[in-house]
Amino acid sequence: MSETSNVSEDIPISVTQRAIEMGKQKLEEAGGGHLGIRVGVKGGGCSGLLYHFEFADDVREKRDLVAKVDGLTLLVDKRSLKYLAGSILDWNDSLVEYGFRWKNPNAEKDCGCGTSFTPKA
């Protein structure tokens, strides 16, 4: 895992330099018109909660926390923060996996592909 940067005091998440670089690259590939990347969790997946990523075009004032990390704007869904606090967002690029990957201390267990997790009770 590469060097990490803390997102902000309000958002207790860290992001690796590789994830920052790839996030900026993906935004550029998508046409450059997006504000940033929104991250969160929602119900689903084989383990109960599914990690969610989407390009964000605007700030949902009542739902988003916003921070800029080394030129990448991240929007974090407030309701998801309790499941993501203390996590590290990384980028995986291997023969088996490709994409964002969370290292989450709040996960009781992860699914095999890493896209969902069971939260600790």
PDB file of N, CA and C in Angstrom:
ATOM      1  N   MET A   1       0.849  -1.167   0.000  1.00  0.00           N
ATOM      2  CA  MET A   1       0.000   0.000   0.000  1.00  0.00           C
ATOM      3  C   MET A   1       0.896   1.232   0.000  1.00  0.00           C
ATOM      4  N   SER A   2       0.550   2.216  -0.801  1.00  0.00           N
ATOM      5  CA  SER A   2       1.374   3.416  -0.900  1.00  0.00           C
ATOM      6  C   SER A   2       1.074   4.375   0.249  1.00  0.00           C
ATOM      7  N   GLU A   3       1.818   5.468   0.294  1.00  0.00           N
ATOM      8  CA  GLU A   3       1.651   6.491   1.317  1.00  0.00           C
ATOM      9  C   GLU A   3       0.208   6.984   1.326  1.00  0.00           C
ATOM     10  N   THR A   4      -0.310   7.304   2.536  1.00  0.00           N
ATOM     11  CA  THR A   4      -1.693   7.755   2.644  1.00  0.00           C
ATOM     12  C   THR A   4      -1.766   9.217   3.058  1.00  0.00           C
ATOM     13  N   SER A   5      -2.898   9.841   2.723  1.00  0.00           N
ATOM     14  CA  SER A   5      -3.213  11.205   3.140  1.00  0.00           C
ATOM     15  C   SER A   5      -4.538  11.167   3.873  1.00  0.00           C
ATOM     16  N   ASN A   6      -4.627  11.885   5.000  1.00  0.00           N
ATOM     17  CA  ASN A   6      -5.893  11.998   5.704  1.00  0.00           C
ATOM     18  C   ASN A   6      -6.798  12.926   4.918  1.00  0.00           C
ATOM     19  N   VAL A   7      -8.076  12.594   4.872  1.00  0.00           N
ATOM     20  CA  VAL A   7      -9.017  13.390   4.096  1.00  0.00           C
ATOM     21  C   VAL A   7      -9.240  14.744   4.767  1.00  0.00           C
ATOM     22  N   SER A   8      -9.733  14.751   6.011  1.00  0.00           N
ATOM     23  CA  SER A   8      -9.933  15.990   6.764  1.00  0.00           C
ATOM     24  C   SER A   8     -10.255  15.625   8.204  1.00  0.00           C
ATOM     25  N   GLU A   9     -10.330  16.641   9.067  1.00  0.00           N
ATOM     26  CA  GLU A   9     -10.696  16.376  10.461  1.00  0.00           C
ATOM     27  C   GLU A   9     -12.123  15.865  10.564  1.00  0.00           C
ATOM     28  N   ASP A  10     -13.006  16.350   9.695  1.00  0.00           N
ATOM     29  CA  ASP A  10     -14.413  15.944   9.717  1.00  0.00           C
ATOM     30  C   ASP A  10     -14.648  14.577   9.089  1.00  0.00           C
ATOM     31  N   ILE A  11     -13.692  14.143   8.273  1.00  0.00           N
ATOM     32  CA  ILE A  11     -13.840  12.872   7.560  1.00  0.00           C
ATOM     33  C   ILE A  11     -12.651  11.986   7.921  1.00  0.00           C
ATOM     34  N   PRO A  12     -12.812  11.116   8.924  1.00  0.00           N
ATOM     35  CA  PRO A  12     -11.689  10.288   9.395  1.00  0.00           C
ATOM     36  C   PRO A  12     -11.392   9.091   8.492  1.00  0.00           C
ATOM     37  N   ILE A  13     -11.022   9.400   7.259  1.00  0.00           N
ATOM     38  CA  ILE A  13     -10.676   8.393   6.258  1.00  0.00           C
ATOM     39  C   ILE A  13      -9.321   8.781   5.688  1.00  0.00           C
ATOM     40  N   SER A  14      -8.519   7.778   5.333  1.00  0.00           N
ATOM     41  CA  SER A  14      -7.246   8.034   4.659  1.00  0.00           C
ATOM     42  C   SER A  14      -7.334   7.513   3.232  1.00  0.00           C
ATOM     43  N   VAL A  15      -6.562   8.131   2.345  1.00  0.00           N
ATOM     44  CA  VAL A  15      -6.563   7.749   0.935  1.00  0.00           C
ATOM     45  C   VAL A  15      -5.117   7.596   0.490  1.00  0.00           C
ATOM     46  N   THR A  16      -4.814   6.493  -0.200  1.00  0.00           N
ATOM     47  CA  THR A  16      -3.447   6.301  -0.687  1.00  0.00           C
ATOM     48  C   THR A  16      -3.196   7.202  -1.892  1.00  0.00           C
ATOM     49  N   GLN A  17      -1.926   7.484  -2.127  1.00  0.00           N
ATOM     50  CA  GLN A  17      -1.553   8.300  -3.283  1.00  0.00           C
ATOM     51  C   GLN A  17      -2.012   7.643  -4.580  1.00  0.00           C
ATOM     52  N   ARG A  18      -1.937   6.325  -4.641  1.00  0.00           N
ATOM     53  CA  ARG A  18      -2.379   5.601  -5.842  1.00  0.00           C
ATOM     54  C   ARG A  18      -3.876   5.802  -6.081  1.00  0.00           C
ATOM     55  N   ALA A  19      -4.678   5.760  -5.005  1.00  0.00           N
ATOM     56  CA  ALA A  19      -6.121   5.977  -5.143  1.00  0.00           C
ATOM     57  C   ALA A  19      -6.415   7.409  -5.581  1.00  0.00           C
ATOM     58  N   ILE A  20      -5.653   8.369  -5.058  1.00  0.00           N
ATOM     59  CA  ILE A  20      -5.833   9.767  -5.458  1.00  0.00           C
ATOM     60  C   ILE A  20      -5.520   9.928  -6.944  1.00  0.00           C
ATOM     61  N   GLU A  21      -4.381   9.392  -7.367  1.00  0.00           N
ATOM     62  CA  GLU A  21      -3.980   9.494  -8.777  1.00  0.00           C
ATOM     63  C   GLU A  21      -5.014   8.856  -9.698  1.00  0.00           C
ATOM     64  N   MET A  22      -5.470   7.656  -9.337  1.00  0.00           N
ATOM     65  CA  MET A  22      -6.426   6.955 -10.198  1.00  0.00           C
ATOM     66  C   MET A  22      -7.798   7.624 -10.162  1.00  0.00           C
ATOM     67  N   GLY A  23      -8.185   8.176  -9.010  1.00  0.00           N
ATOM     68  CA  GLY A  23      -9.445   8.907  -8.937  1.00  0.00           C
ATOM     69  C   GLY A  23      -9.439  10.104  -9.868  1.00  0.00           C
ATOM     70  N   LYS A  24      -8.339  10.861  -9.866  1.00  0.00           N
ATOM     71  CA  LYS A  24      -8.219  12.011 -10.770  1.00  0.00           C
ATOM     72  C   LYS A  24      -8.213  11.553 -12.224  1.00  0.00           C
ATOM     73  N   GLN A  25      -7.534  10.446 -12.498  1.00  0.00           N
ATOM     74  CA  GLN A  25      -7.499   9.922 -13.866  1.00  0.00           C
ATOM     75  C   GLN A  25      -8.889   9.501 -14.325  1.00  0.00           C
ATOM     76  N   LYS A  26      -9.630   8.807 -13.463  1.00  0.00           N
ATOM     77  CA  LYS A  26     -10.984   8.358 -13.833  1.00  0.00           C
ATOM     78  C   LYS A  26     -11.912   9.546 -14.076  1.00  0.00           C
ATOM     79  N   LEU A  27     -11.767  10.605 -13.267  1.00  0.00           N
ATOM     80  CA  LEU A  27     -12.572  11.807 -13.486  1.00  0.00           C
ATOM     81  C   LEU A  27     -12.246  12.443 -14.832  1.00  0.00           C
ATOM     82  N   GLU A  28     -10.975  12.484 -15.167  1.00  0.00           N
ATOM     83  CA  GLU A  28     -10.552  13.053 -16.451  1.00  0.00           C
ATOM     84  C   GLU A  28     -11.075  12.212 -17.613  1.00  0.00           C
ATOM     85  N   GLU A  29     -10.971  10.884 -17.486  1.00  0.00           N
ATOM     86  CA  GLU A  29     -11.461   9.985 -18.536  1.00  0.00           C
ATOM     87  C   GLU A  29     -12.966  10.123 -18.739  1.00  0.00           C
ATOM     88  N   ALA A  30     -13.682  10.484 -17.669  1.00  0.00           N
ATOM     89  CA  ALA A  30     -15.137  10.626 -17.744  1.00  0.00           C
ATOM     90  C   ALA A  30     -15.556  11.952 -18.374  1.00  0.00           C
ATOM     91  N   GLY A  31     -14.599  12.769 -18.752  1.00  0.00           N
ATOM     92  CA  GLY A  31     -14.935  13.999 -19.448  1.00  0.00           C
ATOM     93  C   GLY A  31     -14.620  15.270 -18.689  1.00  0.00           C
ATOM     94  N   GLY A  32     -14.227  15.151 -17.450  1.00  0.00           N
ATOM     95  CA  GLY A  32     -13.803  16.320 -16.701  1.00  0.00           C
ATOM     96  C   GLY A  32     -14.902  17.232 -16.206  1.00  0.00           C
ATOM     97  N   GLY A  33     -16.158  16.914 -16.425  1.00  0.00           N
ATOM     98  CA  GLY A  33     -17.243  17.781 -15.986  1.00  0.00           C
ATOM     99  C   GLY A  33     -17.765  17.494 -14.595  1.00  0.00           C
ATOM    100  N   HIS A  34     -17.225  16.483 -13.938  1.00  0.00           N
ATOM    101  CA  HIS A  34     -17.724  16.096 -12.620  1.00  0.00           C
ATOM    102  C   HIS A  34     -16.996  16.860 -11.521  1.00  0.00           C
ATOM    103  N   LEU A  35     -17.702  17.091 -10.421  1.00  0.00           N
ATOM    104  CA  LEU A  35     -17.136  17.777  -9.266  1.00  0.00           C
ATOM    105  C   LEU A  35     -16.100  16.908  -8.560  1.00  0.00           C
ATOM    106  N   GLY A  36     -16.402  15.616  -8.407  1.00  0.00           N
ATOM    107  CA  GLY A  36     -15.507  14.708  -7.703  1.00  0.00           C
ATOM    108  C   GLY A  36     -16.080  13.310  -7.661  1.00  0.00           C
ATOM    109  N   ILE A  37     -15.629  12.541  -6.674  1.00  0.00           N
ATOM    110  CA  ILE A  37     -16.097  11.164  -6.499  1.00  0.00           C
ATOM    111  C   ILE A  37     -16.806  11.061  -5.156  1.00  0.00           C
ATOM    112  N   ARG A  38     -18.034  10.539  -5.197  1.00  0.00           N
ATOM    113  CA  ARG A  38     -18.806  10.316  -3.971  1.00  0.00           C
ATOM    114  C   ARG A  38     -18.597   8.867  -3.544  1.00  0.00           C
ATOM    115  N   VAL A  39     -18.300   8.690  -2.262  1.00  0.00           N
ATOM    116  CA  VAL A  39     -18.117   7.347  -1.716  1.00  0.00           C
ATOM    117  C   VAL A  39     -19.100   7.142  -0.570  1.00  0.00           C
ATOM    118  N   GLY A  40     -19.474   5.888  -0.366  1.00  0.00           N
ATOM    119  CA  GLY A  40     -20.381   5.558   0.716  1.00  0.00           C
ATOM    120  C   GLY A  40     -20.646   4.070   0.743  1.00  0.00           C
ATOM    121  N   VAL A  41     -21.629   3.687   1.527  1.00  0.00           N
ATOM    122  CA  VAL A  41     -22.069   2.294   1.568  1.00  0.00           C
ATOM    123  C   VAL A  41     -23.586   2.274   1.442  1.00  0.00           C
ATOM    124  N   LYS A  42     -24.093   1.169   0.940  1.00  0.00           N
ATOM    125  CA  LYS A  42     -25.536   0.968   0.875  1.00  0.00           C
ATOM    126  C   LYS A  42     -25.809  -0.515   1.072  1.00  0.00           C
ATOM    127  N   GLY A  43     -27.038  -0.853   1.397  1.00  0.00           N
ATOM    128  CA  GLY A  43     -27.396  -2.244   1.603  1.00  0.00           C
ATOM    129  C   GLY A  43     -27.220  -3.043   0.333  1.00  0.00           C
ATOM    130  N   GLY A  44     -26.655  -4.252   0.470  1.00  0.00           N
ATOM    131  CA  GLY A  44     -26.489  -5.107  -0.692  1.00  0.00           C
ATOM    132  C   GLY A  44     -25.207  -5.898  -0.635  1.00  0.00           C
ATOM    133  N   GLY A  45     -24.921  -6.580  -1.720  1.00  0.00           N
ATOM    134  CA  GLY A  45     -23.723  -7.408  -1.775  1.00  0.00           C
ATOM    135  C   GLY A  45     -23.916  -8.696  -1.008  1.00  0.00           C
ATOM    136  N   CYS A  46     -22.925  -9.542  -1.040  1.00  0.00           N
ATOM    137  CA  CYS A  46     -23.048 -10.848  -0.394  1.00  0.00           C
ATOM    138  C   CYS A  46     -22.770 -10.789   1.106  1.00  0.00           C
ATOM    139  N   SER A  47     -22.302  -9.635   1.622  1.00  0.00           N
ATOM    140  CA  SER A  47     -21.978  -9.551   3.045  1.00  0.00           C
ATOM    141  C   SER A  47     -22.832  -8.555   3.816  1.00  0.00           C
ATOM    142  N   GLY A  48     -23.789  -7.910   3.174  1.00  0.00           N
ATOM    143  CA  GLY A  48     -24.700  -7.025   3.892  1.00  0.00           C
ATOM    144  C   GLY A  48     -24.633  -5.564   3.492  1.00  0.00           C
ATOM    145  N   LEU A  49     -23.429  -4.990   3.432  1.00  0.00           N
ATOM    146  CA  LEU A  49     -23.256  -3.603   3.001  1.00  0.00           C
ATOM    147  C   LEU A  49     -22.309  -3.565   1.816  1.00  0.00           C
ATOM    148  N   LEU A  50     -22.668  -2.786   0.830  1.00  0.00           N
ATOM    149  CA  LEU A  50     -21.923  -2.697  -0.418  1.00  0.00           C
ATOM    150  C   LEU A  50     -21.221  -1.347  -0.490  1.00  0.00           C
ATOM    151  N   TYR A  51     -19.927  -1.357  -0.799  1.00  0.00           N
ATOM    152  CA  TYR A  51     -19.208  -0.097  -1.011  1.00  0.00           C
ATOM    153  C   TYR A  51     -19.740   0.539  -2.286  1.00  0.00           C
ATOM    154  N   HIS A  52     -19.953   1.855  -2.230  1.00  0.00           N
ATOM    155  CA  HIS A  52     -20.566   2.562  -3.357  1.00  0.00           C
ATOM    156  C   HIS A  52     -19.663   3.707  -3.804  1.00  0.00           C
ATOM    157  N   PHE A  53     -19.439   3.810  -5.100  1.00  0.00           N
ATOM    158  CA  PHE A  53     -18.651   4.885  -5.706  1.00  0.00           C
ATOM    159  C   PHE A  53     -19.443   5.440  -6.879  1.00  0.00           C
ATOM    160  N   GLU A  54     -19.430   6.761  -7.030  1.00  0.00           N
ATOM    161  CA  GLU A  54     -20.056   7.368  -8.203  1.00  0.00           C
ATOM    162  C   GLU A  54     -19.423   8.728  -8.468  1.00  0.00           C
ATOM    163  N   PHE A  55     -19.493   9.158  -9.714  1.00  0.00           N
ATOM    164  CA  PHE A  55     -19.061  10.510 -10.033  1.00  0.00           C
ATOM    165  C   PHE A  55     -20.109  11.461  -9.475  1.00  0.00           C
ATOM    166  N   ALA A  56     -19.660  12.525  -8.845  1.00  0.00           N
ATOM    167  CA  ALA A  56     -20.573  13.503  -8.254  1.00  0.00           C
ATOM    168  C   ALA A  56     -20.556  14.777  -9.087  1.00  0.00           C
ATOM    169  N   ASP A  57     -21.744  15.266  -9.405  1.00  0.00           N
ATOM    170  CA  ASP A  57     -21.868  16.505 -10.165  1.00  0.00           C
ATOM    171  C   ASP A  57     -22.235  17.688  -9.280  1.00  0.00           C
ATOM    172  N   ASP A  58     -22.714  17.385  -8.073  1.00  0.00           N
ATOM    173  CA  ASP A  58     -23.093  18.447  -7.152  1.00  0.00           C
ATOM    174  C   ASP A  58     -22.952  17.955  -5.713  1.00  0.00           C
ATOM    175  N   VAL A  59     -23.048  18.896  -4.781  1.00  0.00           N
ATOM    176  CA  VAL A  59     -22.978  18.571  -3.359  1.00  0.00           C
ATOM    177  C   VAL A  59     -24.399  18.447  -2.838  1.00  0.00           C
ATOM    178  N   ARG A  60     -24.677  17.354  -2.180  1.00  0.00           N
ATOM    179  CA  ARG A  60     -25.969  17.171  -1.508  1.00  0.00           C
ATOM    180  C   ARG A  60     -25.778  17.739  -0.105  1.00  0.00           C
ATOM    181  N   GLU A  61     -26.165  18.995   0.077  1.00  0.00           N
ATOM    182  CA  GLU A  61     -25.852  19.762   1.287  1.00  0.00           C
ATOM    183  C   GLU A  61     -26.159  19.015   2.587  1.00  0.00           C
ATOM    184  N   LYS A  62     -27.292  18.352   2.659  1.00  0.00           N
ATOM    185  CA  LYS A  62     -27.682  17.685   3.899  1.00  0.00           C
ATOM    186  C   LYS A  62     -27.066  16.301   4.046  1.00  0.00           C
ATOM    187  N   ARG A  63     -26.483  15.771   2.970  1.00  0.00           N
ATOM    188  CA  ARG A  63     -26.000  14.389   3.015  1.00  0.00           C
ATOM    189  C   ARG A  63     -24.504  14.232   2.845  1.00  0.00           C
ATOM    190  N   ASP A  64     -23.829  15.199   2.226  1.00  0.00           N
ATOM    191  CA  ASP A  64     -22.415  15.031   1.889  1.00  0.00           C
ATOM    192  C   ASP A  64     -21.482  15.814   2.803  1.00  0.00           C
ATOM    193  N   LEU A  65     -20.360  15.197   3.115  1.00  0.00           N
ATOM    194  CA  LEU A  65     -19.201  15.888   3.661  1.00  0.00           C
ATOM    195  C   LEU A  65     -18.219  15.974   2.504  1.00  0.00           C
ATOM    196  N   VAL A  66     -17.590  17.122   2.315  1.00  0.00           N
ATOM    197  CA  VAL A  66     -16.743  17.342   1.145  1.00  0.00           C
ATOM    198  C   VAL A  66     -15.337  17.710   1.581  1.00  0.00           C
ATOM    199  N   ALA A  67     -14.349  17.120   0.923  1.00  0.00           N
ATOM    200  CA  ALA A  67     -12.949  17.452   1.189  1.00  0.00           C
ATOM    201  C   ALA A  67     -12.149  17.309  -0.092  1.00  0.00           C
ATOM    202  N   LYS A  68     -11.105  18.097  -0.186  1.00  0.00           N
ATOM    203  CA  LYS A  68     -10.185  18.012  -1.317  1.00  0.00           C
ATOM    204  C   LYS A  68      -8.888  17.410  -0.789  1.00  0.00           C
ATOM    205  N   VAL A  69      -8.430  16.333  -1.428  1.00  0.00           N
ATOM    206  CA  VAL A  69      -7.212  15.639  -1.018  1.00  0.00           C
ATOM    207  C   VAL A  69      -6.256  15.627  -2.203  1.00  0.00           C
ATOM    208  N   ASP A  70      -5.192  16.390  -2.109  1.00  0.00           N
ATOM    209  CA  ASP A  70      -4.185  16.448  -3.181  1.00  0.00           C
ATOM    210  C   ASP A  70      -4.809  16.613  -4.566  1.00  0.00           C
ATOM    211  N   GLY A  71      -5.802  17.493  -4.667  1.00  0.00           N
ATOM    212  CA  GLY A  71      -6.416  17.781  -5.959  1.00  0.00           C
ATOM    213  C   GLY A  71      -7.614  16.922  -6.318  1.00  0.00           C
ATOM    214  N   LEU A  72      -7.944  15.935  -5.492  1.00  0.00           N
ATOM    215  CA  LEU A  72      -9.113  15.082  -5.732  1.00  0.00           C
ATOM    216  C   LEU A  72     -10.211  15.473  -4.754  1.00  0.00           C
ATOM    217  N   THR A  73     -11.399  15.790  -5.274  1.00  0.00           N
ATOM    218  CA  THR A  73     -12.531  16.111  -4.414  1.00  0.00           C
ATOM    219  C   THR A  73     -13.276  14.830  -4.083  1.00  0.00           C
ATOM    220  N   LEU A  74     -13.388  14.555  -2.780  1.00  0.00           N
ATOM    221  CA  LEU A  74     -14.143  13.401  -2.294  1.00  0.00           C
ATOM    222  C   LEU A  74     -15.375  13.900  -1.566  1.00  0.00           C
ATOM    223  N   LEU A  75     -16.495  13.278  -1.849  1.00  0.00           N
ATOM    224  CA  LEU A  75     -17.740  13.561  -1.161  1.00  0.00           C
ATOM    225  C   LEU A  75     -18.119  12.278  -0.432  1.00  0.00           C
ATOM    226  N   VAL A  76     -18.311  12.376   0.871  1.00  0.00           N
ATOM    227  CA  VAL A  76     -18.614  11.195   1.678  1.00  0.00           C
ATOM    228  C   VAL A  76     -20.018  11.339   2.235  1.00  0.00           C
ATOM    229  N   ASP A  77     -20.835  10.343   1.977  1.00  0.00           N
ATOM    230  CA  ASP A  77     -22.189  10.315   2.500  1.00  0.00           C
ATOM    231  C   ASP A  77     -22.126  10.257   4.023  1.00  0.00           C
ATOM    232  N   LYS A  78     -22.771  11.217   4.705  1.00  0.00           N
ATOM    233  CA  LYS A  78     -22.713  11.300   6.173  1.00  0.00           C
ATOM    234  C   LYS A  78     -23.195  10.017   6.844  1.00  0.00           C
ATOM    235  N   ARG A  79     -24.233   9.410   6.303  1.00  0.00           N
ATOM    236  CA  ARG A  79     -24.773   8.186   6.912  1.00  0.00           C
ATOM    237  C   ARG A  79     -23.796   7.023   6.814  1.00  0.00           C
ATOM    238  N   SER A  80     -22.919   7.073   5.824  1.00  0.00           N
ATOM    239  CA  SER A  80     -21.941   5.997   5.628  1.00  0.00           C
ATOM    240  C   SER A  80     -20.708   6.158   6.497  1.00  0.00           C
ATOM    241  N   LEU A  81     -20.509   7.353   7.037  1.00  0.00           N
ATOM    242  CA  LEU A  81     -19.268   7.654   7.735  1.00  0.00           C
ATOM    243  C   LEU A  81     -19.013   6.720   8.914  1.00  0.00           C
ATOM    244  N   LYS A  82     -20.073   6.315   9.630  1.00  0.00           N
ATOM    245  CA  LYS A  82     -19.854   5.423  10.776  1.00  0.00           C
ATOM    246  C   LYS A  82     -19.303   4.063  10.339  1.00  0.00           C
ATOM    247  N   TYR A  83     -19.562   3.669   9.105  1.00  0.00           N
ATOM    248  CA  TYR A  83     -19.045   2.400   8.593  1.00  0.00           C
ATOM    249  C   TYR A  83     -17.668   2.546   7.943  1.00  0.00           C
ATOM    250  N   LEU A  84     -17.294   3.779   7.594  1.00  0.00           N
ATOM    251  CA  LEU A  84     -16.029   4.012   6.890  1.00  0.00           C
ATOM    252  C   LEU A  84     -14.965   4.687   7.754  1.00  0.00           C
ATOM    253  N   ALA A  85     -15.337   5.199   8.924  1.00  0.00           N
ATOM    254  CA  ALA A  85     -14.381   5.908   9.787  1.00  0.00           C
ATOM    255  C   ALA A  85     -13.177   5.023  10.093  1.00  0.00           C
ATOM    256  N   GLY A  86     -11.995   5.578   9.937  1.00  0.00           N
ATOM    257  CA  GLY A  86     -10.761   4.839  10.188  1.00  0.00           C
ATOM    258  C   GLY A  86     -10.287   3.999   9.014  1.00  0.00           C
ATOM    259  N   SER A  87     -11.044   4.003   7.924  1.00  0.00           N
ATOM    260  CA  SER A  87     -10.709   3.182   6.753  1.00  0.00           C
ATOM    261  C   SER A  87      -9.649   3.842   5.882  1.00  0.00           C
ATOM    262  N   ILE A  88      -9.030   3.014   5.054  1.00  0.00           N
ATOM    263  CA  ILE A  88      -8.077   3.489   4.054  1.00  0.00           C
ATOM    264  C   ILE A  88      -8.621   3.102   2.681  1.00  0.00           C
ATOM    265  N   LEU A  89      -8.725   4.092   1.809  1.00  0.00           N
ATOM    266  CA  LEU A  89      -9.147   3.855   0.432  1.00  0.00           C
ATOM    267  C   LEU A  89      -7.895   3.705  -0.423  1.00  0.00           C
ATOM    268  N   ASP A  90      -7.791   2.583  -1.112  1.00  0.00           N
ATOM    269  CA  ASP A  90      -6.619   2.282  -1.927  1.00  0.00           C
ATOM    270  C   ASP A  90      -7.083   1.948  -3.342  1.00  0.00           C
ATOM    271  N   TRP A  91      -6.130   1.799  -4.228  1.00  0.00           N
ATOM    272  CA  TRP A  91      -6.403   1.381  -5.605  1.00  0.00           C
ATOM    273  C   TRP A  91      -5.679   0.074  -5.841  1.00  0.00           C
ATOM    274  N   ASN A  92      -6.393  -0.919  -6.336  1.00  0.00           N
ATOM    275  CA  ASN A  92      -5.827  -2.229  -6.627  1.00  0.00           C
ATOM    276  C   ASN A  92      -5.770  -2.417  -8.137  1.00  0.00           C
ATOM    277  N   ASP A  93      -4.639  -2.857  -8.619  1.00  0.00           N
ATOM    278  CA  ASP A  93      -4.466  -3.068 -10.053  1.00  0.00           C
ATOM    279  C   ASP A  93      -3.621  -4.329 -10.232  1.00  0.00           C
ATOM    280  N   SER A  94      -4.299  -5.464 -10.187  1.00  0.00           N
ATOM    281  CA  SER A  94      -3.594  -6.738 -10.313  1.00  0.00           C
ATOM    282  C   SER A  94      -4.309  -7.601 -11.347  1.00  0.00           C
ATOM    283  N   LEU A  95      -3.804  -8.789 -11.553  1.00  0.00           N
ATOM    284  CA  LEU A  95      -4.450  -9.709 -12.490  1.00  0.00           C
ATOM    285  C   LEU A  95      -5.836 -10.112 -12.017  1.00  0.00           C
ATOM    286  N   VAL A  96      -6.037 -10.128 -10.704  1.00  0.00           N
ATOM    287  CA  VAL A  96      -7.291 -10.598 -10.137  1.00  0.00           C
ATOM    288  C   VAL A  96      -8.263  -9.454  -9.854  1.00  0.00           C
ATOM    289  N   GLU A  97      -7.746  -8.312  -9.414  1.00  0.00           N
ATOM    290  CA  GLU A  97      -8.593  -7.195  -9.017  1.00  0.00           C
ATOM    291  C   GLU A  97      -8.175  -5.908  -9.709  1.00  0.00           C
ATOM    292  N   TYR A  98      -9.169  -5.039  -9.935  1.00  0.00           N
ATOM    293  CA  TYR A  98      -8.908  -3.743 -10.533  1.00  0.00           C
ATOM    294  C   TYR A  98      -9.931  -2.761  -9.975  1.00  0.00           C
ATOM    295  N   GLY A  99      -9.482  -1.712  -9.344  1.00  0.00           N
ATOM    296  CA  GLY A  99     -10.399  -0.690  -8.859  1.00  0.00           C
ATOM    297  C   GLY A  99     -10.108  -0.267  -7.436  1.00  0.00           C
ATOM    298  N   PHE A 100     -10.990   0.589  -6.914  1.00  0.00           N
ATOM    299  CA  PHE A 100     -10.848   1.046  -5.540  1.00  0.00           C
ATOM    300  C   PHE A 100     -11.049  -0.118  -4.580  1.00  0.00           C
ATOM    301  N   ARG A 101     -10.340  -0.065  -3.477  1.00  0.00           N
ATOM    302  CA  ARG A 101     -10.417  -1.127  -2.464  1.00  0.00           C
ATOM    303  C   ARG A 101     -10.321  -0.481  -1.089  1.00  0.00           C
ATOM    304  N   TRP A 102     -11.198  -0.861  -0.174  1.00  0.00           N
ATOM    305  CA  TRP A 102     -11.186  -0.342   1.193  1.00  0.00           C
ATOM    306  C   TRP A 102     -10.461  -1.290   2.134  1.00  0.00           C
ATOM    307  N   LYS A 103      -9.669  -0.749   3.021  1.00  0.00           N
ATOM    308  CA  LYS A 103      -9.161  -1.486   4.180  1.00  0.00           C
ATOM    309  C   LYS A 103      -9.949  -0.902   5.346  1.00  0.00           C
ATOM    310  N   ASN A 104     -10.915  -1.672   5.838  1.00  0.00           N
ATOM    311  CA  ASN A 104     -11.922  -1.143   6.750  1.00  0.00           C
ATOM    312  C   ASN A 104     -11.869  -1.827   8.120  1.00  0.00           C
ATOM    313  N   PRO A 105     -11.494  -1.085   9.175  1.00  0.00           N
ATOM    314  CA  PRO A 105     -11.445  -1.675  10.513  1.00  0.00           C
ATOM    315  C   PRO A 105     -12.830  -1.929  11.102  1.00  0.00           C
ATOM    316  N   ASN A 106     -13.876  -1.428  10.461  1.00  0.00           N
ATOM    317  CA  ASN A 106     -15.245  -1.611  10.938  1.00  0.00           C
ATOM    318  C   ASN A 106     -15.907  -2.854  10.357  1.00  0.00           C
ATOM    319  N   ALA A 107     -15.168  -3.596   9.543  1.00  0.00           N
ATOM    320  CA  ALA A 107     -15.724  -4.785   8.898  1.00  0.00           C
ATOM    321  C   ALA A 107     -15.463  -6.023   9.747  1.00  0.00           C
ATOM    322  N   GLU A 108     -16.524  -6.724  10.057  1.00  0.00           N
ATOM    323  CA  GLU A 108     -16.410  -8.019  10.734  1.00  0.00           C
ATOM    324  C   GLU A 108     -15.815  -9.030   9.761  1.00  0.00           C
ATOM    325  N   LYS A 109     -16.340  -8.999   8.519  1.00  0.00           N
ATOM    326  CA  LYS A 109     -15.794  -9.839   7.454  1.00  0.00           C
ATOM    327  C   LYS A 109     -16.071  -9.172   6.116  1.00  0.00           C
ATOM    328  N   ASP A 110     -15.208  -9.460   5.158  1.00  0.00           N
ATOM    329  CA  ASP A 110     -15.353  -8.948   3.798  1.00  0.00           C
ATOM    330  C   ASP A 110     -15.765 -10.090   2.889  1.00  0.00           C
ATOM    331  N   CYS A 111     -16.456  -9.751   1.806  1.00  0.00           N
ATOM    332  CA  CYS A 111     -16.734 -10.779   0.811  1.00  0.00           C
ATOM    333  C   CYS A 111     -15.439 -11.062   0.054  1.00  0.00           C
ATOM    334  N   GLY A 112     -15.390 -12.133  -0.666  1.00  0.00           N
ATOM    335  CA  GLY A 112     -14.177 -12.530  -1.372  1.00  0.00           C
ATOM    336  C   GLY A 112     -13.689 -11.520  -2.389  1.00  0.00           C
ATOM    337  N   CYS A 113     -14.605 -10.817  -3.035  1.00  0.00           N
ATOM    338  CA  CYS A 113     -14.189  -9.852  -4.062  1.00  0.00           C
ATOM    339  C   CYS A 113     -13.913  -8.472  -3.485  1.00  0.00           C
ATOM    340  N   GLY A 114     -14.233  -8.247  -2.209  1.00  0.00           N
ATOM    341  CA  GLY A 114     -13.914  -6.980  -1.563  1.00  0.00           C
ATOM    342  C   GLY A 114     -14.881  -5.846  -1.834  1.00  0.00           C
ATOM    343  N   THR A 115     -16.033  -6.140  -2.444  1.00  0.00           N
ATOM    344  CA  THR A 115     -16.974  -5.064  -2.745  1.00  0.00           C
ATOM    345  C   THR A 115     -18.036  -4.876  -1.670  1.00  0.00           C
ATOM    346  N   SER A 116     -18.140  -5.828  -0.746  1.00  0.00           N
ATOM    347  CA  SER A 116     -19.110  -5.683   0.333  1.00  0.00           C
ATOM    348  C   SER A 116     -18.514  -6.224   1.629  1.00  0.00           C
ATOM    349  N   PHE A 117     -19.195  -5.899   2.741  1.00  0.00           N
ATOM    350  CA  PHE A 117     -18.688  -6.313   4.046  1.00  0.00           C
ATOM    351  C   PHE A 117     -19.828  -6.430   5.044  1.00  0.00           C
ATOM    352  N   THR A 118     -19.557  -7.159   6.118  1.00  0.00           N
ATOM    353  CA  THR A 118     -20.453  -7.241   7.253  1.00  0.00           C
ATOM    354  C   THR A 118     -19.878  -6.345   8.334  1.00  0.00           C
ATOM    355  N   PRO A 119     -20.646  -5.340   8.800  1.00  0.00           N
ATOM    356  CA  PRO A 119     -20.102  -4.450   9.827  1.00  0.00           C
ATOM    357  C   PRO A 119     -20.008  -5.146  11.180  1.00  0.00           C
ATOM    358  N   LYS A 120     -19.054  -4.670  11.992  1.00  0.00           N
ATOM    359  CA  LYS A 120     -18.945  -5.176  13.356  1.00  0.00           C
ATOM    360  C   LYS A 120     -20.176  -4.751  14.134  1.00  0.00           C
ATOM    361  N   ALA A 121     -20.608  -5.613  15.032  1.00  0.00           N
ATOM    362  CA  ALA A 121     -21.813  -5.324  15.829  1.00  0.00           C
ATOM    363  C   ALA A 121     -21.571  -4.231  16.839  1.00  0.00           C
TER     364      ALA A 121
END
